Amino acid sequence: MLRSEVNRRKPNEKNGSTGFFNQLSRRTVNRSADKMLSRLALRNAQALPAIAHGAQALSSSSEASNRPVRAEFGGKVRLGFIPDEWFTYFYPKTGVTGPYAFGLGLTTYLVSKEIYVMEHEYYTGLSILLMCIYGVKKFGPVVAAYADKLIDEQITELNESKNSEIEYYESSIKDEKHSQWQAEGQTLLMEAKKQNIAMQLEAAYRERLAHVYSEVKKRLDYQVQIQAIERRISQKHMSEWIISNVLKSITPEQEKATLQQCIVDLQGLAART
């Protein structure tokens, strides 16, 4: 025994260094694998919100269509306490009598091998069981009716709270729709205000444009009047200058001769008439 133990330990001691390097290589491999898995998990996490959103939509639709309903009565039992599924489990292989034969054989085996000993506790439990059966048969319908009444009251309260919540949320939805409609009216009002402001700006622009036109026309008319006055003054001055120069150039003899010639002309005209 000692030699075999020593022989077992020697190869372990010889392979200690190699085992250390093997463990070190395994750790590095595990770390690299963890890094690769973390990168893969990060990529999957980036695509997870869209998948989660679709899964949530599918789950919500499936939950809405397949909601569990609380059973009003318990499952079917036989012999007062054994579920019916335990019997139907044996039917494909043993037939209808199989569950009963299995239960009777198992009980016989446990009692005959004294695995289950019928001591005084057994009879005590049997008497308690009989009392329980009597109590259930005697007071069960009354207690069941009372419990059903309590359950009905609770269901009524839950339904009332549910209906009140539904009405509240429906009214909230209506109020929200009305608020949205009002908000749409506000947008229309804002558009009308914008149009009014644009019209006011256009009117102010046209008024200023007309004012500029009138002011420019006044200035141009002023320039035209100045030019007309200057032309009239120049013409008057020119005519006066010419007349004055002509008068200065006429001598008294020329004036007297001209006067005599005029008188002769007038006499000639008078004689003709």
C-alpha atoms as a PDB file:
ATOM      1  CA  MET A   1       0.000   0.000   0.000  1.00  0.00           C
ATOM      2  CA  LEU A   2       2.775   2.450   0.934  1.00  0.00           C
ATOM      3  CA  ARG A   3       4.766   1.606  -2.192  1.00  0.00           C
ATOM      4  CA  SER A   4       1.784   2.097  -4.421  1.00  0.00           C
ATOM      5  CA  GLU A   5       1.075   5.435  -2.773  1.00  0.00           C
ATOM      6  CA  VAL A   6       4.688   6.523  -3.247  1.00  0.00           C
ATOM      7  CA  ASN A   7       4.578   5.414  -6.872  1.00  0.00           C
ATOM      8  CA  ARG A   8       1.439   7.428  -7.375  1.00  0.00           C
ATOM      9  CA  ARG A   9       2.927  10.577  -5.899  1.00  0.00           C
ATOM     10  CA  LYS A  10       6.228  10.438  -7.832  1.00  0.00           C
ATOM     11  CA  PRO A  11       4.762  10.934 -11.297  1.00  0.00           C
ATOM     12  CA  ASN A  12       2.594  13.687  -9.891  1.00  0.00           C
ATOM     13  CA  GLU A  13       5.714  15.447  -8.520  1.00  0.00           C
ATOM     14  CA  LYS A  14       7.553  14.953 -11.816  1.00  0.00           C
ATOM     15  CA  ASN A  15       4.666  16.342 -13.775  1.00  0.00           C
ATOM     16  CA  GLY A  16       4.219  19.361 -11.472  1.00  0.00           C
ATOM     17  CA  SER A  17       5.972  21.817 -13.751  1.00  0.00           C
ATOM     18  CA  THR A  18       4.204  20.500 -16.828  1.00  0.00           C
ATOM     19  CA  GLY A  19       0.896  20.695 -14.990  1.00  0.00           C
ATOM     20  CA  PHE A  20       1.605  24.317 -14.079  1.00  0.00           C
ATOM     21  CA  PHE A  21       2.291  25.210 -17.707  1.00  0.00           C
ATOM     22  CA  ASN A  22      -0.799  23.290 -18.778  1.00  0.00           C
ATOM     23  CA  GLN A  23      -2.908  25.238 -16.299  1.00  0.00           C
ATOM     24  CA  LEU A  24      -1.322  28.495 -17.503  1.00  0.00           C
ATOM     25  CA  SER A  25      -2.076  27.665 -21.135  1.00  0.00           C
ATOM     26  CA  ARG A  26      -5.622  26.696 -20.206  1.00  0.00           C
ATOM     27  CA  ARG A  27      -6.091  30.043 -18.428  1.00  0.00           C
ATOM     28  CA  THR A  28      -4.823  31.990 -21.445  1.00  0.00           C
ATOM     29  CA  VAL A  29      -7.095  29.973 -23.729  1.00  0.00           C
ATOM     30  CA  ASN A  30     -10.022  30.600 -21.389  1.00  0.00           C
ATOM     31  CA  ARG A  31      -9.251  34.330 -21.299  1.00  0.00           C
ATOM     32  CA  SER A  32      -9.085  34.559 -25.069  1.00  0.00           C
ATOM     33  CA  ALA A  33     -12.330  32.595 -25.293  1.00  0.00           C
ATOM     34  CA  ASP A  34     -13.925  34.945 -22.759  1.00  0.00           C
ATOM     35  CA  LYS A  35     -12.806  37.968 -24.811  1.00  0.00           C
ATOM     36  CA  MET A  36     -14.265  36.445 -27.968  1.00  0.00           C
ATOM     37  CA  LEU A  37     -17.490  35.639 -26.160  1.00  0.00           C
ATOM     38  CA  SER A  38     -17.651  39.157 -24.699  1.00  0.00           C
ATOM     39  CA  ARG A  39     -17.239  40.666 -28.190  1.00  0.00           C
ATOM     40  CA  LEU A  40     -19.930  38.367 -29.507  1.00  0.00           C
ATOM     41  CA  ALA A  41     -22.170  39.295 -26.607  1.00  0.00           C
ATOM     42  CA  LEU A  42     -21.539  43.004 -27.298  1.00  0.00           C
ATOM     43  CA  ARG A  43     -22.544  42.569 -30.944  1.00  0.00           C
ATOM     44  CA  ASN A  44     -25.634  40.664 -29.924  1.00  0.00           C
ATOM     45  CA  ALA A  45     -26.438  43.337 -27.339  1.00  0.00           C
ATOM     46  CA  GLN A  46     -26.336  46.013 -30.042  1.00  0.00           C
ATOM     47  CA  ALA A  47     -28.917  44.084 -32.055  1.00  0.00           C
ATOM     48  CA  LEU A  48     -30.870  43.138 -28.945  1.00  0.00           C
ATOM     49  CA  PRO A  49     -33.206  46.218 -28.663  1.00  0.00           C
ATOM     50  CA  ALA A  50     -34.852  45.595 -32.044  1.00  0.00           C
ATOM     51  CA  ILE A  51     -35.199  41.880 -31.292  1.00  0.00           C
ATOM     52  CA  ALA A  52     -36.520  42.651 -27.823  1.00  0.00           C
ATOM     53  CA  HIS A  53     -39.010  45.136 -29.251  1.00  0.00           C
ATOM     54  CA  GLY A  54     -40.315  42.554 -31.720  1.00  0.00           C
ATOM     55  CA  ALA A  55     -40.401  39.859 -29.073  1.00  0.00           C
ATOM     56  CA  GLN A  56     -42.219  42.201 -26.704  1.00  0.00           C
ATOM     57  CA  ALA A  57     -44.812  42.969 -29.367  1.00  0.00           C
ATOM     58  CA  LEU A  58     -45.271  39.246 -30.088  1.00  0.00           C
ATOM     59  CA  SER A  59     -45.420  38.391 -26.389  1.00  0.00           C
ATOM     60  CA  SER A  60     -47.938  41.169 -25.710  1.00  0.00           C
ATOM     61  CA  SER A  61     -50.155  39.960 -28.554  1.00  0.00           C
ATOM     62  CA  SER A  62     -49.841  36.316 -27.435  1.00  0.00           C
ATOM     63  CA  GLU A  63     -50.511  37.262 -23.812  1.00  0.00           C
ATOM     64  CA  ALA A  64     -53.524  39.291 -24.848  1.00  0.00           C
ATOM     65  CA  SER A  65     -54.902  36.305 -26.758  1.00  0.00           C
ATOM     66  CA  ASN A  66     -53.852  33.540 -24.293  1.00  0.00           C
ATOM     67  CA  ARG A  67     -54.340  34.916 -20.817  1.00  0.00           C
ATOM     68  CA  PRO A  68     -54.647  32.321 -18.073  1.00  0.00           C
ATOM     69  CA  VAL A  69     -58.046  32.061 -16.458  1.00  0.00           C
ATOM     70  CA  ARG A  70     -58.420  31.006 -12.842  1.00  0.00           C
ATOM     71  CA  ALA A  71     -60.226  27.706 -12.534  1.00  0.00           C
ATOM     72  CA  GLU A  72     -63.542  27.975 -10.751  1.00  0.00           C
ATOM     73  CA  PHE A  73     -63.439  24.372  -9.498  1.00  0.00           C
ATOM     74  CA  GLY A  74     -60.620  22.002  -8.658  1.00  0.00           C
ATOM     75  CA  GLY A  75     -59.383  19.184 -10.848  1.00  0.00           C
ATOM     76  CA  LYS A  76     -61.066  15.816 -11.059  1.00  0.00           C
ATOM     77  CA  VAL A  77     -60.049  13.346  -8.296  1.00  0.00           C
ATOM     78  CA  ARG A  78     -60.740   9.743  -7.449  1.00  0.00           C
ATOM     79  CA  LEU A  79     -61.167   8.166  -4.049  1.00  0.00           C
ATOM     80  CA  GLY A  80     -61.581  11.652  -2.667  1.00  0.00           C
ATOM     81  CA  PHE A  81     -57.991  12.867  -2.896  1.00  0.00           C
ATOM     82  CA  ILE A  82     -56.063  11.152  -5.730  1.00  0.00           C
ATOM     83  CA  PRO A  83     -55.815  13.210  -8.953  1.00  0.00           C
ATOM     84  CA  ASP A  84     -57.376  11.684 -12.027  1.00  0.00           C
ATOM     85  CA  GLU A  85     -54.166  12.260 -14.025  1.00  0.00           C
ATOM     86  CA  TRP A  86     -52.407   9.613 -11.933  1.00  0.00           C
ATOM     87  CA  PHE A  87     -54.917   7.037 -13.144  1.00  0.00           C
ATOM     88  CA  THR A  88     -54.936   8.102 -16.796  1.00  0.00           C
ATOM     89  CA  TYR A  89     -51.129   7.872 -16.820  1.00  0.00           C
ATOM     90  CA  PHE A  90     -51.380   4.062 -16.456  1.00  0.00           C
ATOM     91  CA  TYR A  91     -54.115   3.530 -19.058  1.00  0.00           C
ATOM     92  CA  PRO A  92     -51.927   3.249 -22.196  1.00  0.00           C
ATOM     93  CA  LYS A  93     -49.793   0.469 -20.635  1.00  0.00           C
ATOM     94  CA  THR A  94     -51.860  -1.274 -17.947  1.00  0.00           C
ATOM     95  CA  GLY A  95     -55.466  -0.503 -18.830  1.00  0.00           C
ATOM     96  CA  VAL A  96     -58.210   0.675 -16.498  1.00  0.00           C
ATOM     97  CA  THR A  97     -57.413  -1.694 -13.607  1.00  0.00           C
ATOM     98  CA  GLY A  98     -53.688  -0.909 -13.635  1.00  0.00           C
ATOM     99  CA  PRO A  99     -53.723   2.046 -11.228  1.00  0.00           C
ATOM    100  CA  TYR A 100     -55.808   0.181  -8.685  1.00  0.00           C
ATOM    101  CA  ALA A 101     -53.614  -2.923  -8.933  1.00  0.00           C
ATOM    102  CA  PHE A 102     -50.485  -0.777  -8.599  1.00  0.00           C
ATOM    103  CA  GLY A 103     -51.814   1.030  -5.529  1.00  0.00           C
ATOM    104  CA  LEU A 104     -53.000  -2.165  -3.850  1.00  0.00           C
ATOM    105  CA  GLY A 105     -49.749  -3.991  -4.627  1.00  0.00           C
ATOM    106  CA  LEU A 106     -47.611  -1.124  -3.372  1.00  0.00           C
ATOM    107  CA  THR A 107     -49.606  -0.913  -0.149  1.00  0.00           C
ATOM    108  CA  THR A 108     -49.358  -4.680   0.358  1.00  0.00           C
ATOM    109  CA  TYR A 109     -45.607  -4.563  -0.257  1.00  0.00           C
ATOM    110  CA  LEU A 110     -45.026  -1.705   2.186  1.00  0.00           C
ATOM    111  CA  VAL A 111     -47.123  -3.364   4.903  1.00  0.00           C
ATOM    112  CA  SER A 112     -45.786  -6.904   4.391  1.00  0.00           C
ATOM    113  CA  LYS A 113     -42.161  -5.770   4.457  1.00  0.00           C
ATOM    114  CA  GLU A 114     -42.931  -3.581   7.461  1.00  0.00           C
ATOM    115  CA  ILE A 115     -41.694  -0.535   5.647  1.00  0.00           C
ATOM    116  CA  TYR A 116     -44.900   1.101   6.743  1.00  0.00           C
ATOM    117  CA  VAL A 117     -45.599  -0.083  10.310  1.00  0.00           C
ATOM    118  CA  MET A 118     -49.189   0.090  11.578  1.00  0.00           C
ATOM    119  CA  GLU A 119     -48.490   1.323  15.063  1.00  0.00           C
ATOM    120  CA  HIS A 120     -50.691   3.450  17.309  1.00  0.00           C
ATOM    121  CA  GLU A 121     -49.942   6.576  15.237  1.00  0.00           C
ATOM    122  CA  TYR A 122     -51.491   4.849  12.250  1.00  0.00           C
ATOM    123  CA  TYR A 123     -54.799   4.343  14.038  1.00  0.00           C
ATOM    124  CA  THR A 124     -54.623   7.867  15.414  1.00  0.00           C
ATOM    125  CA  GLY A 125     -54.180   9.197  11.871  1.00  0.00           C
ATOM    126  CA  LEU A 126     -57.001   6.940  10.676  1.00  0.00           C
ATOM    127  CA  SER A 127     -59.354   8.322  13.313  1.00  0.00           C
ATOM    128  CA  ILE A 128     -58.305  11.903  12.474  1.00  0.00           C
ATOM    129  CA  LEU A 129     -58.908  11.145   8.786  1.00  0.00           C
ATOM    130  CA  LEU A 130     -62.418   9.863   9.577  1.00  0.00           C
ATOM    131  CA  MET A 131     -63.112  12.999  11.592  1.00  0.00           C
ATOM    132  CA  CYS A 132     -61.858  15.168   8.745  1.00  0.00           C
ATOM    133  CA  ILE A 133     -64.052  13.304   6.266  1.00  0.00           C
ATOM    134  CA  TYR A 134     -67.060  13.759   8.541  1.00  0.00           C
ATOM    135  CA  GLY A 135     -66.275  17.452   8.978  1.00  0.00           C
ATOM    136  CA  VAL A 136     -65.915  17.942   5.242  1.00  0.00           C
ATOM    137  CA  LYS A 137     -69.169  16.148   4.513  1.00  0.00           C
ATOM    138  CA  LYS A 138     -70.993  17.959   7.324  1.00  0.00           C
ATOM    139  CA  PHE A 139     -69.615  21.522   7.177  1.00  0.00           C
ATOM    140  CA  GLY A 140     -68.083  21.520   3.692  1.00  0.00           C
ATOM    141  CA  PRO A 141     -71.134  22.880   1.801  1.00  0.00           C
ATOM    142  CA  VAL A 142     -71.635  25.716   4.315  1.00  0.00           C
ATOM    143  CA  VAL A 143     -67.974  26.688   4.284  1.00  0.00           C
ATOM    144  CA  ALA A 144     -67.885  26.370   0.484  1.00  0.00           C
ATOM    145  CA  ALA A 145     -70.920  28.644   0.136  1.00  0.00           C
ATOM    146  CA  TYR A 146     -69.349  31.194   2.476  1.00  0.00           C
ATOM    147  CA  ALA A 147     -66.032  30.994   0.627  1.00  0.00           C
ATOM    148  CA  ASP A 148     -67.821  31.320  -2.724  1.00  0.00           C
ATOM    149  CA  LYS A 149     -69.594  34.393  -1.398  1.00  0.00           C
ATOM    150  CA  LEU A 150     -66.297  35.927  -0.317  1.00  0.00           C
ATOM    151  CA  ILE A 151     -64.753  35.070  -3.681  1.00  0.00           C
ATOM    152  CA  ASP A 152     -67.721  36.603  -5.508  1.00  0.00           C
ATOM    153  CA  GLU A 153     -67.367  39.770  -3.446  1.00  0.00           C
ATOM    154  CA  GLN A 154     -63.658  39.937  -4.181  1.00  0.00           C
ATOM    155  CA  ILE A 155     -64.283  39.321  -7.888  1.00  0.00           C
ATOM    156  CA  THR A 156     -66.954  42.031  -7.861  1.00  0.00           C
ATOM    157  CA  GLU A 157     -64.572  44.475  -6.202  1.00  0.00           C
ATOM    158  CA  LEU A 158     -61.823  43.588  -8.653  1.00  0.00           C
ATOM    159  CA  ASN A 159     -64.180  43.961 -11.612  1.00  0.00           C
ATOM    160  CA  GLU A 160     -65.402  47.312 -10.273  1.00  0.00           C
ATOM    161  CA  SER A 161     -61.842  48.540  -9.835  1.00  0.00           C
ATOM    162  CA  LYS A 162     -60.966  47.213 -13.290  1.00  0.00           C
ATOM    163  CA  ASN A 163     -64.003  48.880 -14.859  1.00  0.00           C
ATOM    164  CA  SER A 164     -63.261  52.127 -13.036  1.00  0.00           C
ATOM    165  CA  GLU A 165     -59.679  51.988 -14.277  1.00  0.00           C
ATOM    166  CA  ILE A 166     -60.906  51.267 -17.808  1.00  0.00           C
ATOM    167  CA  GLU A 167     -63.322  54.196 -17.634  1.00  0.00           C
ATOM    168  CA  TYR A 168     -60.593  56.425 -16.244  1.00  0.00           C
ATOM    169  CA  TYR A 169     -58.179  55.504 -19.002  1.00  0.00           C
ATOM    170  CA  GLU A 170     -60.902  55.831 -21.646  1.00  0.00           C
ATOM    171  CA  SER A 171     -61.705  59.305 -20.356  1.00  0.00           C
ATOM    172  CA  SER A 172     -57.981  60.061 -20.312  1.00  0.00           C
ATOM    173  CA  ILE A 173     -57.751  58.931 -23.934  1.00  0.00           C
ATOM    174  CA  LYS A 174     -60.719  61.132 -24.870  1.00  0.00           C
ATOM    175  CA  ASP A 175     -59.176  64.085 -23.051  1.00  0.00           C
ATOM    176  CA  GLU A 176     -55.891  63.447 -24.795  1.00  0.00           C
ATOM    177  CA  LYS A 177     -57.622  63.307 -28.185  1.00  0.00           C
ATOM    178  CA  HIS A 178     -59.471  66.535 -27.323  1.00  0.00           C
ATOM    179  CA  SER A 179     -56.166  68.108 -26.316  1.00  0.00           C
ATOM    180  CA  GLN A 180     -54.647  66.987 -29.608  1.00  0.00           C
ATOM    181  CA  TRP A 181     -57.600  68.491 -31.451  1.00  0.00           C
ATOM    182  CA  GLN A 182     -57.100  71.730 -29.530  1.00  0.00           C
ATOM    183  CA  ALA A 183     -53.416  71.592 -30.362  1.00  0.00           C
ATOM    184  CA  GLU A 184     -54.331  71.247 -34.041  1.00  0.00           C
ATOM    185  CA  GLY A 185     -56.526  74.346 -33.619  1.00  0.00           C
ATOM    186  CA  GLN A 186     -53.545  76.138 -32.121  1.00  0.00           C
ATOM    187  CA  THR A 187     -51.521  75.259 -35.195  1.00  0.00           C
ATOM    188  CA  LEU A 188     -54.261  76.677 -37.416  1.00  0.00           C
ATOM    189  CA  LEU A 189     -54.382  79.791 -35.249  1.00  0.00           C
ATOM    190  CA  MET A 190     -50.628  80.159 -35.530  1.00  0.00           C
ATOM    191  CA  GLU A 191     -50.870  79.809 -39.306  1.00  0.00           C
ATOM    192  CA  ALA A 192     -53.580  82.499 -39.387  1.00  0.00           C
ATOM    193  CA  LYS A 193     -51.427  84.766 -37.217  1.00  0.00           C
ATOM    194  CA  LYS A 194     -48.474  84.184 -39.515  1.00  0.00           C
ATOM    195  CA  GLN A 195     -50.620  85.084 -42.522  1.00  0.00           C
ATOM    196  CA  ASN A 196     -51.880  88.221 -40.756  1.00  0.00           C
ATOM    197  CA  ILE A 197     -48.333  89.243 -39.923  1.00  0.00           C
ATOM    198  CA  ALA A 198     -47.299  88.607 -43.544  1.00  0.00           C
ATOM    199  CA  MET A 199     -50.214  90.766 -44.754  1.00  0.00           C
ATOM    200  CA  GLN A 200     -49.264  93.519 -42.308  1.00  0.00           C
ATOM    201  CA  LEU A 201     -45.673  93.379 -43.499  1.00  0.00           C
ATOM    202  CA  GLU A 202     -46.846  93.509 -47.121  1.00  0.00           C
ATOM    203  CA  ALA A 203     -49.102  96.498 -46.369  1.00  0.00           C
ATOM    204  CA  ALA A 204     -46.258  98.295 -44.570  1.00  0.00           C
ATOM    205  CA  TYR A 205     -43.945  97.536 -47.487  1.00  0.00           C
ATOM    206  CA  ARG A 206     -46.436  98.876 -50.026  1.00  0.00           C
ATOM    207  CA  GLU A 207     -47.077 101.969 -47.881  1.00  0.00           C
ATOM    208  CA  ARG A 208     -43.392 102.689 -47.641  1.00  0.00           C
ATOM    209  CA  LEU A 209     -43.010 102.052 -51.370  1.00  0.00           C
ATOM    210  CA  ALA A 210     -45.813 104.570 -52.120  1.00  0.00           C
ATOM    211  CA  HIS A 211     -44.195 107.060 -49.734  1.00  0.00           C
ATOM    212  CA  VAL A 212     -40.857 106.639 -51.501  1.00  0.00           C
ATOM    213  CA  TYR A 213     -42.593 107.082 -54.885  1.00  0.00           C
ATOM    214  CA  SER A 214     -44.343 110.281 -53.772  1.00  0.00           C
ATOM    215  CA  GLU A 215     -41.158 111.710 -52.264  1.00  0.00           C
ATOM    216  CA  VAL A 216     -39.133 110.943 -55.385  1.00  0.00           C
ATOM    217  CA  LYS A 217     -41.914 112.435 -57.578  1.00  0.00           C
ATOM    218  CA  LYS A 218     -41.906 115.614 -55.458  1.00  0.00           C
ATOM    219  CA  ARG A 219     -38.170 115.953 -55.817  1.00  0.00           C
ATOM    220  CA  LEU A 220     -38.333 115.359 -59.568  1.00  0.00           C
ATOM    221  CA  ASP A 221     -41.178 117.893 -59.924  1.00  0.00           C
ATOM    222  CA  TYR A 222     -39.128 120.344 -57.941  1.00  0.00           C
ATOM    223  CA  GLN A 223     -36.203 119.860 -60.301  1.00  0.00           C
ATOM    224  CA  VAL A 224     -38.531 120.306 -63.330  1.00  0.00           C
ATOM    225  CA  GLN A 225     -39.951 123.532 -61.877  1.00  0.00           C
ATOM    226  CA  ILE A 226     -36.448 124.811 -61.155  1.00  0.00           C
ATOM    227  CA  GLN A 227     -35.427 124.100 -64.741  1.00  0.00           C
ATOM    228  CA  ALA A 228     -38.602 125.786 -66.091  1.00  0.00           C
ATOM    229  CA  ILE A 229     -38.025 128.898 -63.940  1.00  0.00           C
ATOM    230  CA  GLU A 230     -34.398 129.062 -64.976  1.00  0.00           C
ATOM    231  CA  ARG A 231     -35.417 128.773 -68.650  1.00  0.00           C
ATOM    232  CA  ARG A 232     -38.106 131.485 -68.261  1.00  0.00           C
ATOM    233  CA  ILE A 233     -35.709 133.805 -66.438  1.00  0.00           C
ATOM    234  CA  SER A 234     -33.048 133.242 -69.063  1.00  0.00           C
ATOM    235  CA  GLN A 235     -35.554 133.900 -71.872  1.00  0.00           C
ATOM    236  CA  LYS A 236     -36.794 137.110 -70.167  1.00  0.00           C
ATOM    237  CA  HIS A 237     -33.275 138.235 -69.562  1.00  0.00           C
ATOM    238  CA  MET A 238     -32.336 137.515 -73.177  1.00  0.00           C
ATOM    239  CA  SER A 239     -35.359 139.369 -74.566  1.00  0.00           C
ATOM    240  CA  GLU A 240     -34.757 142.397 -72.336  1.00  0.00           C
ATOM    241  CA  TRP A 241     -31.117 142.399 -73.284  1.00  0.00           C
ATOM    242  CA  ILE A 242     -31.943 142.277 -77.000  1.00  0.00           C
ATOM    243  CA  ILE A 243     -34.573 145.028 -76.691  1.00  0.00           C
ATOM    244  CA  SER A 244     -32.288 147.200 -74.688  1.00  0.00           C
ATOM    245  CA  ASN A 245     -29.452 146.741 -77.161  1.00  0.00           C
ATOM    246  CA  VAL A 246     -31.763 147.415 -80.117  1.00  0.00           C
ATOM    247  CA  LEU A 247     -33.085 150.567 -78.474  1.00  0.00           C
ATOM    248  CA  LYS A 248     -29.589 151.703 -77.741  1.00  0.00           C
ATOM    249  CA  SER A 249     -28.586 151.187 -81.381  1.00  0.00           C
ATOM    250  CA  ILE A 250     -31.458 153.402 -82.740  1.00  0.00           C
ATOM    251  CA  THR A 251     -30.470 157.057 -83.179  1.00  0.00           C
ATOM    252  CA  PRO A 252     -32.929 160.021 -82.917  1.00  0.00           C
ATOM    253  CA  GLU A 253     -32.749 160.676 -86.693  1.00  0.00           C
ATOM    254  CA  GLN A 254     -33.594 157.025 -87.401  1.00  0.00           C
ATOM    255  CA  GLU A 255     -36.410 157.200 -84.898  1.00  0.00           C
ATOM    256  CA  LYS A 256     -37.776 160.393 -86.491  1.00  0.00           C
ATOM    257  CA  ALA A 257     -37.496 158.936 -90.004  1.00  0.00           C
ATOM    258  CA  THR A 258     -39.175 155.786 -88.895  1.00  0.00           C
ATOM    259  CA  LEU A 259     -41.967 157.823 -87.322  1.00  0.00           C
ATOM    260  CA  GLN A 260     -42.475 159.812 -90.508  1.00  0.00           C
ATOM    261  CA  GLN A 261     -42.510 156.659 -92.549  1.00  0.00           C
ATOM    262  CA  CYS A 262     -45.156 155.227 -90.261  1.00  0.00           C
ATOM    263  CA  ILE A 263     -47.316 158.335 -90.619  1.00  0.00           C
ATOM    264  CA  VAL A 264     -47.020 158.115 -94.395  1.00  0.00           C
ATOM    265  CA  ASP A 265     -47.963 154.487 -94.331  1.00  0.00           C
ATOM    266  CA  LEU A 266     -50.987 155.257 -92.181  1.00  0.00           C
ATOM    267  CA  GLN A 267     -52.104 158.015 -94.516  1.00  0.00           C
ATOM    268  CA  GLY A 268     -51.737 155.696 -97.456  1.00  0.00           C
ATOM    269  CA  LEU A 269     -53.858 153.104 -95.774  1.00  0.00           C
ATOM    270  CA  ALA A 270     -56.440 155.724 -94.840  1.00  0.00           C
ATOM    271  CA  ALA A 271     -56.660 156.925 -98.416  1.00  0.00           C
ATOM    272  CA  ARG A 272     -57.244 153.427 -99.652  1.00  0.00           C
ATOM    273  CA  THR A 273     -60.034 152.852 -97.241  1.00  0.00           C
END
